[in-house]
Amino acid sequence: MDLSIEKEDGRRMSFALSGSSIGFANLLRRFAMNQVPTFAIDKVTFYENTSSMFDEYIGHRIGLVPLKWAPGFKPEEEVVFTLEASGPANVYSSHLQSTADKVKVATEKIPLLKLLQDQNLRLEAKAIQGVGRKHAKWQAGLVAYGIEEDKFNFRVESFMQMSPRDMLSHAAELLDERCEALESELAGLKKAAKENKKKKKDE
């Protein structure tokens, strides 16, 4: 199996995978999109909202704002964000202030809503880790490939939580861990089957 990176920038990467099967190529694609953990806002508490938007609508928009991913956090650990704004003003993702230096909004110019004169918004949001398989807000990016003779031409596009290279690296590590766990499980089943067969033979 050989992997050759053809093009890479901050958000996109193209590479060719050769000496592999279509099953493995598709498994790598699915793991990169659905199994790589990222942070996303999951709970929002509104203390004041006199805008024209419902709480649920604002909460949904905030939940889809991509957040920078950082290692070292426990799976159940939360990162708190606060937002305070008064009109007249355009409220952007940059208004979300994080309590953790490493986990911040990935893109600061995402428009959330517009506040008119005398309108206020004040809230607290909690971000947790999750995977794209559970909800699209935790999806790290998009992965697609085309088949050309004996190789697979991949294109990876990150949603800015992490680089495409990190996204692919995490997917490969997770895939390797799952394969090792499966091998261990199969070895245990094989051993149990042999012991059961021997037991029946002795009887």
N, C-alpha and C. Protein backbone atom coordinates (compact mmCIF):
# COMPACT_ATOMS: atom_id res chain seq x y z
N MET A 1 0.84 -1.19 0.00
CA MET A 1 0.00 0.00 0.00
C MET A 1 0.88 1.24 0.00
N ASP A 2 0.53 2.20 -0.84
CA ASP A 2 1.33 3.42 -0.95
C ASP A 2 0.42 4.64 -0.98
N LEU A 3 0.82 5.69 -0.24
CA LEU A 3 0.05 6.93 -0.19
C LEU A 3 0.94 8.08 -0.62
N SER A 4 0.48 8.82 -1.61
CA SER A 4 1.26 9.94 -2.15
C SER A 4 0.42 11.21 -2.11
N ILE A 5 0.88 12.21 -1.32
CA ILE A 5 0.18 13.49 -1.23
C ILE A 5 0.52 14.34 -2.45
N GLU A 6 -0.51 14.75 -3.17
CA GLU A 6 -0.31 15.51 -4.40
C GLU A 6 -0.46 17.02 -4.19
N LYS A 7 -1.37 17.42 -3.29
CA LYS A 7 -1.60 18.85 -3.06
C LYS A 7 -2.14 19.03 -1.65
N GLU A 8 -1.67 20.09 -0.98
CA GLU A 8 -2.13 20.34 0.39
C GLU A 8 -2.05 21.82 0.72
N ASP A 9 -3.12 22.34 1.32
CA ASP A 9 -3.08 23.69 1.87
C ASP A 9 -3.72 23.65 3.25
N GLY A 10 -4.08 24.78 3.81
CA GLY A 10 -4.60 24.80 5.17
C GLY A 10 -5.90 24.06 5.36
N ARG A 11 -6.70 23.96 4.30
CA ARG A 11 -8.03 23.37 4.44
C ARG A 11 -8.28 22.16 3.55
N ARG A 12 -7.53 22.02 2.48
CA ARG A 12 -7.78 20.93 1.53
C ARG A 12 -6.52 20.12 1.27
N MET A 13 -6.74 18.86 0.94
CA MET A 13 -5.62 17.98 0.61
C MET A 13 -6.08 16.95 -0.42
N SER A 14 -5.19 16.68 -1.37
CA SER A 14 -5.44 15.64 -2.37
C SER A 14 -4.31 14.63 -2.28
N PHE A 15 -4.65 13.35 -2.31
CA PHE A 15 -3.62 12.31 -2.28
C PHE A 15 -4.09 11.09 -3.06
N ALA A 16 -3.12 10.29 -3.47
CA ALA A 16 -3.40 9.07 -4.22
C ALA A 16 -3.06 7.86 -3.36
N LEU A 17 -3.96 6.90 -3.30
CA LEU A 17 -3.76 5.67 -2.55
C LEU A 17 -3.72 4.51 -3.53
N SER A 18 -2.62 3.79 -3.54
CA SER A 18 -2.48 2.65 -4.46
C SER A 18 -2.14 1.39 -3.68
N GLY A 19 -2.35 0.25 -4.33
CA GLY A 19 -2.09 -1.02 -3.67
C GLY A 19 -3.08 -1.35 -2.59
N SER A 20 -4.30 -0.84 -2.71
CA SER A 20 -5.33 -1.06 -1.71
C SER A 20 -6.61 -1.56 -2.37
N SER A 21 -7.56 -1.95 -1.55
CA SER A 21 -8.85 -2.42 -2.06
C SER A 21 -9.89 -1.33 -1.92
N ILE A 22 -10.97 -1.45 -2.65
CA ILE A 22 -12.04 -0.46 -2.57
C ILE A 22 -12.70 -0.49 -1.18
N GLY A 23 -12.68 -1.66 -0.56
CA GLY A 23 -13.25 -1.78 0.78
C GLY A 23 -12.47 -0.95 1.80
N PHE A 24 -11.13 -1.02 1.73
CA PHE A 24 -10.31 -0.25 2.66
C PHE A 24 -10.42 1.24 2.37
N ALA A 25 -10.44 1.61 1.09
CA ALA A 25 -10.55 3.03 0.71
C ALA A 25 -11.85 3.63 1.25
N ASN A 26 -12.93 2.88 1.13
CA ASN A 26 -14.21 3.38 1.61
C ASN A 26 -14.26 3.42 3.14
N LEU A 27 -13.60 2.45 3.78
CA LEU A 27 -13.54 2.42 5.24
C LEU A 27 -12.77 3.63 5.77
N LEU A 28 -11.67 3.98 5.11
CA LEU A 28 -10.88 5.14 5.50
C LEU A 28 -11.70 6.42 5.33
N ARG A 29 -12.43 6.51 4.25
CA ARG A 29 -13.29 7.68 3.99
C ARG A 29 -14.35 7.82 5.08
N ARG A 30 -14.99 6.73 5.41
CA ARG A 30 -16.07 6.77 6.41
C ARG A 30 -15.54 7.10 7.80
N PHE A 31 -14.39 6.54 8.15
CA PHE A 31 -13.80 6.83 9.47
C PHE A 31 -13.42 8.29 9.58
N ALA A 32 -12.86 8.86 8.51
CA ALA A 32 -12.43 10.26 8.54
C ALA A 32 -13.63 11.19 8.74
N MET A 33 -14.76 10.86 8.16
CA MET A 33 -15.93 11.73 8.26
C MET A 33 -16.77 11.45 9.50
N ASN A 34 -16.84 10.18 9.93
CA ASN A 34 -17.81 9.81 10.95
C ASN A 34 -17.25 9.43 12.31
N GLN A 35 -15.94 9.15 12.41
CA GLN A 35 -15.40 8.63 13.66
C GLN A 35 -14.35 9.52 14.32
N VAL A 36 -13.87 10.54 13.63
CA VAL A 36 -12.86 11.44 14.21
C VAL A 36 -13.54 12.40 15.19
N PRO A 37 -13.15 12.40 16.47
CA PRO A 37 -13.82 13.27 17.45
C PRO A 37 -13.45 14.74 17.29
N THR A 38 -14.42 15.61 17.48
CA THR A 38 -14.21 17.06 17.47
C THR A 38 -15.07 17.67 18.58
N PHE A 39 -14.84 18.96 18.83
CA PHE A 39 -15.68 19.69 19.77
C PHE A 39 -16.81 20.39 19.02
N ALA A 40 -17.98 20.46 19.64
CA ALA A 40 -19.10 21.24 19.10
C ALA A 40 -19.99 21.64 20.27
N ILE A 41 -20.62 22.79 20.14
CA ILE A 41 -21.52 23.26 21.19
C ILE A 41 -22.79 22.41 21.20
N ASP A 42 -23.11 21.88 22.37
CA ASP A 42 -24.21 20.94 22.49
C ASP A 42 -25.36 21.46 23.36
N LYS A 43 -25.03 22.35 24.31
CA LYS A 43 -26.06 22.91 25.19
C LYS A 43 -25.91 24.43 25.26
N VAL A 44 -27.02 25.14 25.17
CA VAL A 44 -27.01 26.60 25.23
C VAL A 44 -28.03 27.07 26.26
N THR A 45 -27.59 27.91 27.18
CA THR A 45 -28.48 28.50 28.18
C THR A 45 -28.62 29.99 27.89
N PHE A 46 -29.85 30.43 27.65
CA PHE A 46 -30.11 31.84 27.33
C PHE A 46 -30.50 32.59 28.61
N TYR A 47 -29.78 33.66 28.87
CA TYR A 47 -30.10 34.52 30.01
C TYR A 47 -30.88 35.76 29.57
N GLU A 48 -30.67 36.16 28.32
CA GLU A 48 -31.42 37.29 27.77
C GLU A 48 -31.40 37.19 26.25
N ASN A 49 -32.57 37.31 25.65
CA ASN A 49 -32.69 37.30 24.19
C ASN A 49 -33.89 38.14 23.78
N THR A 50 -33.62 39.36 23.41
CA THR A 50 -34.69 40.26 22.95
C THR A 50 -34.59 40.49 21.45
N SER A 51 -33.88 39.59 20.76
CA SER A 51 -33.77 39.69 19.30
C SER A 51 -35.04 39.17 18.65
N SER A 52 -35.08 39.20 17.32
CA SER A 52 -36.24 38.69 16.59
C SER A 52 -36.16 37.19 16.35
N MET A 53 -35.07 36.54 16.80
CA MET A 53 -34.86 35.11 16.58
C MET A 53 -35.22 34.31 17.82
N PHE A 54 -35.83 33.14 17.61
CA PHE A 54 -36.14 32.24 18.71
C PHE A 54 -34.85 31.67 19.31
N ASP A 55 -34.92 31.30 20.58
CA ASP A 55 -33.77 30.68 21.25
C ASP A 55 -33.29 29.44 20.50
N GLU A 56 -34.24 28.61 20.07
CA GLU A 56 -33.90 27.35 19.40
C GLU A 56 -33.14 27.61 18.09
N TYR A 57 -33.55 28.63 17.36
CA TYR A 57 -32.91 28.95 16.08
C TYR A 57 -31.47 29.40 16.32
N ILE A 58 -31.27 30.27 17.29
CA ILE A 58 -29.92 30.75 17.60
C ILE A 58 -29.05 29.61 18.11
N GLY A 59 -29.62 28.77 18.98
CA GLY A 59 -28.88 27.63 19.50
C GLY A 59 -28.44 26.68 18.41
N HIS A 60 -29.31 26.46 17.43
CA HIS A 60 -28.97 25.58 16.31
C HIS A 60 -27.82 26.15 15.50
N ARG A 61 -27.85 27.44 15.22
CA ARG A 61 -26.78 28.09 14.45
C ARG A 61 -25.45 28.03 15.20
N ILE A 62 -25.51 28.29 16.51
CA ILE A 62 -24.29 28.25 17.31
C ILE A 62 -23.71 26.83 17.36
N GLY A 63 -24.58 25.83 17.40
CA GLY A 63 -24.12 24.45 17.44
C GLY A 63 -23.36 24.03 16.20
N LEU A 64 -23.62 24.69 15.08
CA LEU A 64 -22.95 24.34 13.82
C LEU A 64 -21.67 25.13 13.58
N VAL A 65 -21.31 26.02 14.50
CA VAL A 65 -20.05 26.78 14.36
C VAL A 65 -18.88 25.83 14.64
N PRO A 66 -17.95 25.64 13.69
CA PRO A 66 -16.82 24.73 13.93
C PRO A 66 -15.88 25.28 15.00
N LEU A 67 -15.41 24.39 15.88
CA LEU A 67 -14.50 24.76 16.96
C LEU A 67 -13.16 24.06 16.77
N LYS A 68 -12.09 24.76 17.09
CA LYS A 68 -10.76 24.17 17.00
C LYS A 68 -10.66 22.97 17.93
N TRP A 69 -10.12 21.88 17.41
CA TRP A 69 -9.93 20.68 18.22
C TRP A 69 -8.54 20.70 18.84
N ALA A 70 -8.42 20.21 20.07
CA ALA A 70 -7.13 20.16 20.76
C ALA A 70 -7.03 18.86 21.54
N PRO A 71 -5.86 18.21 21.54
CA PRO A 71 -5.70 16.97 22.30
C PRO A 71 -5.59 17.26 23.80
N GLY A 72 -5.70 16.21 24.59
CA GLY A 72 -5.51 16.35 26.03
C GLY A 72 -6.78 16.50 26.83
N PHE A 73 -7.92 16.55 26.17
CA PHE A 73 -9.20 16.67 26.87
C PHE A 73 -9.82 15.29 27.05
N LYS A 74 -10.42 15.07 28.22
CA LYS A 74 -11.13 13.82 28.46
C LYS A 74 -12.43 13.81 27.65
N PRO A 75 -12.91 12.62 27.26
CA PRO A 75 -14.12 12.54 26.43
C PRO A 75 -15.33 13.25 27.01
N GLU A 76 -15.46 13.25 28.35
CA GLU A 76 -16.63 13.85 28.99
C GLU A 76 -16.41 15.31 29.39
N GLU A 77 -15.22 15.83 29.14
CA GLU A 77 -14.89 17.19 29.58
C GLU A 77 -15.61 18.25 28.74
N GLU A 78 -16.11 19.29 29.40
CA GLU A 78 -16.84 20.37 28.74
C GLU A 78 -15.97 21.62 28.63
N VAL A 79 -16.23 22.40 27.58
CA VAL A 79 -15.62 23.71 27.41
C VAL A 79 -16.74 24.74 27.33
N VAL A 80 -16.68 25.75 28.17
CA VAL A 80 -17.75 26.74 28.26
C VAL A 80 -17.45 27.96 27.40
N PHE A 81 -18.47 28.41 26.66
CA PHE A 81 -18.39 29.63 25.86
C PHE A 81 -19.43 30.62 26.38
N THR A 82 -19.12 31.89 26.31
CA THR A 82 -20.08 32.93 26.66
C THR A 82 -20.24 33.89 25.50
N LEU A 83 -21.41 34.51 25.42
CA LEU A 83 -21.68 35.49 24.37
C LEU A 83 -22.54 36.61 24.95
N GLU A 84 -22.07 37.83 24.78
CA GLU A 84 -22.83 39.01 25.18
C GLU A 84 -22.75 40.04 24.07
N ALA A 85 -23.90 40.51 23.60
CA ALA A 85 -23.93 41.50 22.52
C ALA A 85 -25.16 42.37 22.65
N SER A 86 -25.02 43.63 22.23
CA SER A 86 -26.12 44.59 22.26
C SER A 86 -26.22 45.29 20.92
N GLY A 87 -27.46 45.57 20.50
CA GLY A 87 -27.68 46.21 19.22
C GLY A 87 -27.57 47.72 19.28
N PRO A 88 -27.43 48.35 18.12
CA PRO A 88 -27.41 47.70 16.80
C PRO A 88 -26.05 47.08 16.51
N ALA A 89 -26.07 45.82 16.07
CA ALA A 89 -24.81 45.13 15.78
C ALA A 89 -25.09 43.83 15.04
N ASN A 90 -24.11 43.41 14.25
CA ASN A 90 -24.12 42.08 13.65
C ASN A 90 -23.34 41.16 14.59
N VAL A 91 -23.94 40.06 14.96
CA VAL A 91 -23.29 39.12 15.88
C VAL A 91 -22.63 38.01 15.06
N TYR A 92 -21.34 37.85 15.27
CA TYR A 92 -20.56 36.84 14.54
C TYR A 92 -20.07 35.75 15.50
N SER A 93 -19.52 34.71 14.92
CA SER A 93 -18.96 33.62 15.73
C SER A 93 -17.84 34.12 16.63
N SER A 94 -17.18 35.20 16.25
CA SER A 94 -16.10 35.75 17.07
C SER A 94 -16.59 36.26 18.42
N HIS A 95 -17.90 36.50 18.55
CA HIS A 95 -18.47 36.94 19.82
C HIS A 95 -18.50 35.81 20.85
N LEU A 96 -18.33 34.56 20.40
CA LEU A 96 -18.30 33.43 21.32
C LEU A 96 -16.93 33.37 21.99
N GLN A 97 -16.88 33.63 23.27
CA GLN A 97 -15.62 33.65 24.01
C GLN A 97 -15.46 32.35 24.80
N SER A 98 -14.32 31.69 24.59
CA SER A 98 -14.07 30.39 25.21
C SER A 98 -13.33 30.54 26.54
N THR A 99 -13.60 29.61 27.46
CA THR A 99 -12.87 29.57 28.72
C THR A 99 -11.61 28.72 28.61
N ALA A 100 -11.41 28.05 27.47
CA ALA A 100 -10.22 27.23 27.23
C ALA A 100 -9.44 27.83 26.06
N ASP A 101 -8.16 28.10 26.29
CA ASP A 101 -7.34 28.75 25.26
C ASP A 101 -7.22 27.91 23.99
N LYS A 102 -7.21 26.58 24.14
CA LYS A 102 -6.96 25.71 23.00
C LYS A 102 -8.21 25.43 22.17
N VAL A 103 -9.39 25.60 22.76
CA VAL A 103 -10.64 25.32 22.04
C VAL A 103 -11.37 26.64 21.81
N LYS A 104 -11.27 27.15 20.58
CA LYS A 104 -11.92 28.40 20.20
C LYS A 104 -12.66 28.21 18.89
N VAL A 105 -13.41 29.22 18.48
CA VAL A 105 -14.09 29.12 17.18
C VAL A 105 -13.03 29.03 16.08
N ALA A 106 -13.28 28.17 15.10
CA ALA A 106 -12.31 27.97 14.03
C ALA A 106 -12.35 29.09 13.00
N THR A 107 -13.50 29.67 12.80
CA THR A 107 -13.68 30.77 11.85
C THR A 107 -14.47 31.88 12.53
N GLU A 108 -13.90 33.08 12.56
CA GLU A 108 -14.50 34.16 13.35
C GLU A 108 -15.56 34.97 12.62
N LYS A 109 -15.67 34.85 11.33
CA LYS A 109 -16.58 35.71 10.56
C LYS A 109 -17.88 35.02 10.15
N ILE A 110 -18.31 34.01 10.88
CA ILE A 110 -19.58 33.35 10.58
C ILE A 110 -20.71 34.19 11.19
N PRO A 111 -21.63 34.72 10.37
CA PRO A 111 -22.73 35.54 10.91
C PRO A 111 -23.75 34.67 11.65
N LEU A 112 -24.14 35.11 12.84
CA LEU A 112 -25.13 34.38 13.63
C LEU A 112 -26.50 35.04 13.58
N LEU A 113 -26.54 36.34 13.80
CA LEU A 113 -27.80 37.09 13.71
C LEU A 113 -27.51 38.58 13.76
N LYS A 114 -28.55 39.37 13.53
CA LYS A 114 -28.43 40.84 13.57
C LYS A 114 -29.30 41.37 14.70
N LEU A 115 -28.70 42.22 15.52
CA LEU A 115 -29.43 42.86 16.62
C LEU A 115 -29.76 44.30 16.24
N LEU A 116 -31.00 44.69 16.46
CA LEU A 116 -31.42 46.07 16.21
C LEU A 116 -31.25 46.90 17.48
N GLN A 117 -31.58 48.16 17.38
CA GLN A 117 -31.45 49.06 18.52
C GLN A 117 -32.23 48.52 19.74
N ASP A 118 -31.56 48.54 20.89
CA ASP A 118 -32.15 48.11 22.17
C ASP A 118 -32.40 46.60 22.26
N GLN A 119 -31.86 45.83 21.31
CA GLN A 119 -31.96 44.37 21.40
C GLN A 119 -30.68 43.81 22.02
N ASN A 120 -30.82 42.81 22.88
CA ASN A 120 -29.68 42.24 23.60
C ASN A 120 -29.68 40.71 23.51
N LEU A 121 -28.48 40.16 23.59
CA LEU A 121 -28.32 38.71 23.59
C LEU A 121 -27.23 38.35 24.60
N ARG A 122 -27.58 37.47 25.51
CA ARG A 122 -26.62 37.02 26.53
C ARG A 122 -26.87 35.54 26.80
N LEU A 123 -25.83 34.73 26.62
CA LEU A 123 -25.99 33.28 26.75
C LEU A 123 -24.70 32.62 27.20
N GLU A 124 -24.85 31.36 27.59
CA GLU A 124 -23.71 30.49 27.92
C GLU A 124 -23.88 29.19 27.14
N ALA A 125 -22.80 28.73 26.54
CA ALA A 125 -22.86 27.51 25.72
C ALA A 125 -21.79 26.53 26.18
N LYS A 126 -22.13 25.25 26.17
CA LYS A 126 -21.19 24.21 26.57
C LYS A 126 -20.87 23.31 25.38
N ALA A 127 -19.57 23.15 25.12
CA ALA A 127 -19.11 22.31 24.02
C ALA A 127 -18.57 21.00 24.56
N ILE A 128 -18.90 19.91 23.89
CA ILE A 128 -18.39 18.59 24.26
C ILE A 128 -17.86 17.90 23.01
N GLN A 129 -17.13 16.81 23.22
CA GLN A 129 -16.61 16.04 22.10
C GLN A 129 -17.66 15.06 21.59
N GLY A 130 -17.63 14.84 20.29
CA GLY A 130 -18.54 13.90 19.66
C GLY A 130 -17.99 13.51 18.30
N VAL A 131 -18.73 12.68 17.59
CA VAL A 131 -18.31 12.23 16.26
C VAL A 131 -19.42 12.49 15.25
N GLY A 132 -19.02 12.60 13.99
CA GLY A 132 -19.96 12.90 12.92
C GLY A 132 -21.05 11.86 12.76
N ARG A 133 -20.79 10.64 13.19
CA ARG A 133 -21.80 9.59 13.10
C ARG A 133 -23.02 9.93 13.95
N LYS A 134 -22.79 10.64 15.05
CA LYS A 134 -23.87 11.01 15.95
C LYS A 134 -24.61 12.25 15.47
N HIS A 135 -23.89 13.25 14.98
CA HIS A 135 -24.50 14.50 14.49
C HIS A 135 -23.50 15.20 13.58
N ALA A 136 -24.00 15.86 12.54
CA ALA A 136 -23.14 16.53 11.56
C ALA A 136 -22.30 17.65 12.16
N LYS A 137 -22.73 18.22 13.30
CA LYS A 137 -21.96 19.33 13.89
C LYS A 137 -20.60 18.86 14.40
N TRP A 138 -20.45 17.55 14.60
CA TRP A 138 -19.16 17.01 15.03
C TRP A 138 -18.33 16.48 13.86
N GLN A 139 -18.82 16.62 12.67
CA GLN A 139 -18.09 16.12 11.50
C GLN A 139 -16.88 16.99 11.23
N ALA A 140 -15.72 16.37 11.07
CA ALA A 140 -14.46 17.12 10.88
C ALA A 140 -14.29 17.64 9.47
N GLY A 141 -14.99 17.07 8.51
CA GLY A 141 -14.85 17.51 7.13
C GLY A 141 -15.49 16.53 6.16
N LEU A 142 -15.14 16.68 4.90
CA LEU A 142 -15.66 15.82 3.84
C LEU A 142 -14.51 15.07 3.18
N VAL A 143 -14.79 13.83 2.80
CA VAL A 143 -13.79 13.01 2.11
C VAL A 143 -14.47 12.31 0.94
N ALA A 144 -13.84 12.38 -0.21
CA ALA A 144 -14.36 11.70 -1.40
C ALA A 144 -13.18 11.13 -2.18
N TYR A 145 -13.46 10.14 -3.01
CA TYR A 145 -12.39 9.59 -3.85
C TYR A 145 -12.96 9.14 -5.19
N GLY A 146 -12.07 9.14 -6.17
CA GLY A 146 -12.38 8.61 -7.49
C GLY A 146 -11.42 7.49 -7.81
N ILE A 147 -11.84 6.57 -8.65
CA ILE A 147 -11.00 5.42 -8.99
C ILE A 147 -10.39 5.62 -10.37
N GLU A 148 -9.07 5.50 -10.44
CA GLU A 148 -8.34 5.63 -11.70
C GLU A 148 -7.40 4.45 -11.85
N GLU A 149 -7.78 3.50 -12.68
CA GLU A 149 -7.02 2.27 -12.89
C GLU A 149 -6.79 1.55 -11.56
N ASP A 150 -5.55 1.54 -11.06
CA ASP A 150 -5.26 0.79 -9.83
C ASP A 150 -5.03 1.69 -8.62
N LYS A 151 -5.52 2.92 -8.67
CA LYS A 151 -5.34 3.82 -7.53
C LYS A 151 -6.61 4.59 -7.22
N PHE A 152 -6.67 5.09 -6.01
CA PHE A 152 -7.81 5.88 -5.54
C PHE A 152 -7.35 7.32 -5.31
N ASN A 153 -7.97 8.25 -6.00
CA ASN A 153 -7.62 9.66 -5.87
C ASN A 153 -8.54 10.31 -4.83
N PHE A 154 -7.99 10.59 -3.67
CA PHE A 154 -8.75 11.15 -2.56
C PHE A 154 -8.70 12.67 -2.57
N ARG A 155 -9.79 13.26 -2.09
CA ARG A 155 -9.85 14.70 -1.84
C ARG A 155 -10.46 14.91 -0.46
N VAL A 156 -9.71 15.58 0.41
CA VAL A 156 -10.14 15.82 1.79
C VAL A 156 -10.33 17.32 2.00
N GLU A 157 -11.47 17.70 2.54
CA GLU A 157 -11.74 19.10 2.85
C GLU A 157 -12.14 19.22 4.31
N SER A 158 -11.35 19.97 5.07
CA SER A 158 -11.60 20.14 6.49
C SER A 158 -12.59 21.27 6.74
N PHE A 159 -13.34 21.15 7.84
CA PHE A 159 -14.23 22.23 8.28
C PHE A 159 -13.52 23.18 9.23
N MET A 160 -12.18 23.09 9.29
CA MET A 160 -11.30 23.99 10.02
C MET A 160 -11.11 23.64 11.50
N GLN A 161 -11.71 22.56 11.98
CA GLN A 161 -11.42 22.15 13.36
C GLN A 161 -9.98 21.66 13.47
N MET A 162 -9.49 21.05 12.40
CA MET A 162 -8.13 20.53 12.32
C MET A 162 -7.71 20.52 10.86
N SER A 163 -6.43 20.28 10.61
CA SER A 163 -5.95 20.24 9.23
C SER A 163 -6.39 18.93 8.57
N PRO A 164 -6.45 18.88 7.23
CA PRO A 164 -6.79 17.63 6.55
C PRO A 164 -5.83 16.50 6.90
N ARG A 165 -4.55 16.84 7.08
CA ARG A 165 -3.56 15.82 7.43
C ARG A 165 -3.86 15.22 8.81
N ASP A 166 -4.19 16.08 9.78
CA ASP A 166 -4.54 15.59 11.12
C ASP A 166 -5.82 14.77 11.09
N MET A 167 -6.76 15.21 10.29
CA MET A 167 -8.03 14.49 10.14
C MET A 167 -7.79 13.07 9.63
N LEU A 168 -6.94 12.95 8.61
CA LEU A 168 -6.62 11.65 8.03
C LEU A 168 -5.81 10.80 9.00
N SER A 169 -4.87 11.45 9.71
CA SER A 169 -4.03 10.74 10.67
C SER A 169 -4.86 10.16 11.81
N HIS A 170 -5.79 10.95 12.34
CA HIS A 170 -6.67 10.46 13.41
C HIS A 170 -7.53 9.30 12.92
N ALA A 171 -8.02 9.41 11.69
CA ALA A 171 -8.85 8.34 11.13
C ALA A 171 -8.06 7.04 11.01
N ALA A 172 -6.80 7.14 10.56
CA ALA A 172 -5.95 5.96 10.41
C ALA A 172 -5.65 5.33 11.77
N GLU A 173 -5.40 6.16 12.79
CA GLU A 173 -5.13 5.65 14.14
C GLU A 173 -6.36 4.93 14.70
N LEU A 174 -7.52 5.53 14.52
CA LEU A 174 -8.75 4.92 15.02
C LEU A 174 -9.04 3.60 14.31
N LEU A 175 -8.80 3.58 13.01
CA LEU A 175 -9.01 2.38 12.22
C LEU A 175 -8.08 1.26 12.67
N ASP A 176 -6.82 1.63 12.96
CA ASP A 176 -5.85 0.65 13.44
C ASP A 176 -6.26 0.09 14.80
N GLU A 177 -6.75 0.96 15.69
CA GLU A 177 -7.21 0.51 17.01
C GLU A 177 -8.39 -0.44 16.89
N ARG A 178 -9.32 -0.12 16.00
CA ARG A 178 -10.49 -0.99 15.81
C ARG A 178 -10.07 -2.36 15.26
N CYS A 179 -9.11 -2.36 14.35
CA CYS A 179 -8.64 -3.62 13.76
C CYS A 179 -7.94 -4.48 14.81
N GLU A 180 -7.13 -3.85 15.67
CA GLU A 180 -6.46 -4.58 16.74
C GLU A 180 -7.47 -5.17 17.72
N ALA A 181 -8.49 -4.39 18.04
CA ALA A 181 -9.54 -4.87 18.95
C ALA A 181 -10.29 -6.05 18.34
N LEU A 182 -10.54 -5.97 17.03
CA LEU A 182 -11.24 -7.06 16.34
C LEU A 182 -10.38 -8.32 16.30
N GLU A 183 -9.08 -8.16 16.04
CA GLU A 183 -8.17 -9.30 16.02
C GLU A 183 -8.13 -9.98 17.39
N SER A 184 -8.09 -9.16 18.44
CA SER A 184 -8.07 -9.70 19.80
C SER A 184 -9.36 -10.45 20.12
N GLU A 185 -10.47 -9.90 19.68
CA GLU A 185 -11.77 -10.54 19.90
C GLU A 185 -11.86 -11.87 19.15
N LEU A 186 -11.39 -11.88 17.91
CA LEU A 186 -11.41 -13.11 17.12
C LEU A 186 -10.50 -14.17 17.71
N ALA A 187 -9.33 -13.74 18.23
CA ALA A 187 -8.40 -14.68 18.86
C ALA A 187 -9.05 -15.31 20.09
N GLY A 188 -9.78 -14.50 20.85
CA GLY A 188 -10.47 -15.01 22.03
C GLY A 188 -11.56 -16.00 21.67
N LEU A 189 -12.30 -15.71 20.61
CA LEU A 189 -13.35 -16.62 20.16
C LEU A 189 -12.76 -17.94 19.64
N LYS A 190 -11.64 -17.82 18.94
CA LYS A 190 -10.98 -19.01 18.41
C LYS A 190 -10.48 -19.91 19.54
N LYS A 191 -9.91 -19.28 20.57
CA LYS A 191 -9.42 -20.03 21.72
C LYS A 191 -10.56 -20.70 22.46
N ALA A 192 -11.67 -19.98 22.63
CA ALA A 192 -12.84 -20.54 23.32
C ALA A 192 -13.42 -21.71 22.54
N ALA A 193 -13.42 -21.60 21.21
CA ALA A 193 -13.95 -22.67 20.36
C ALA A 193 -13.10 -23.93 20.48
N LYS A 194 -11.77 -23.75 20.53
CA LYS A 194 -10.87 -24.89 20.67
C LYS A 194 -11.06 -25.59 22.01
N GLU A 195 -11.18 -24.78 23.07
CA GLU A 195 -11.38 -25.34 24.41
C GLU A 195 -12.70 -26.09 24.51
N ASN A 196 -13.73 -25.55 23.88
CA ASN A 196 -15.04 -26.19 23.88
C ASN A 196 -15.01 -27.50 23.11
N LYS A 197 -14.27 -27.49 22.00
CA LYS A 197 -14.14 -28.70 21.18
C LYS A 197 -13.39 -29.78 21.94
N LYS A 198 -12.33 -29.37 22.64
CA LYS A 198 -11.54 -30.33 23.42
C LYS A 198 -12.36 -30.90 24.57
N LYS A 199 -13.17 -30.05 25.19
CA LYS A 199 -14.01 -30.48 26.30
C LYS A 199 -15.02 -31.53 25.86
N LYS A 200 -15.62 -31.30 24.69
CA LYS A 200 -16.61 -32.26 24.17
C LYS A 200 -15.94 -33.57 23.80
N LYS A 201 -14.70 -33.48 23.30
CA LYS A 201 -13.96 -34.68 22.91
C LYS A 201 -13.63 -35.53 24.13
N ASP A 202 -13.26 -34.86 25.23
CA ASP A 202 -12.92 -35.57 26.47
C ASP A 202 -14.14 -36.25 27.08
N GLU A 203 -15.31 -35.65 26.86
CA GLU A 203 -16.54 -36.24 27.40
C GLU A 203 -16.91 -37.51 26.65
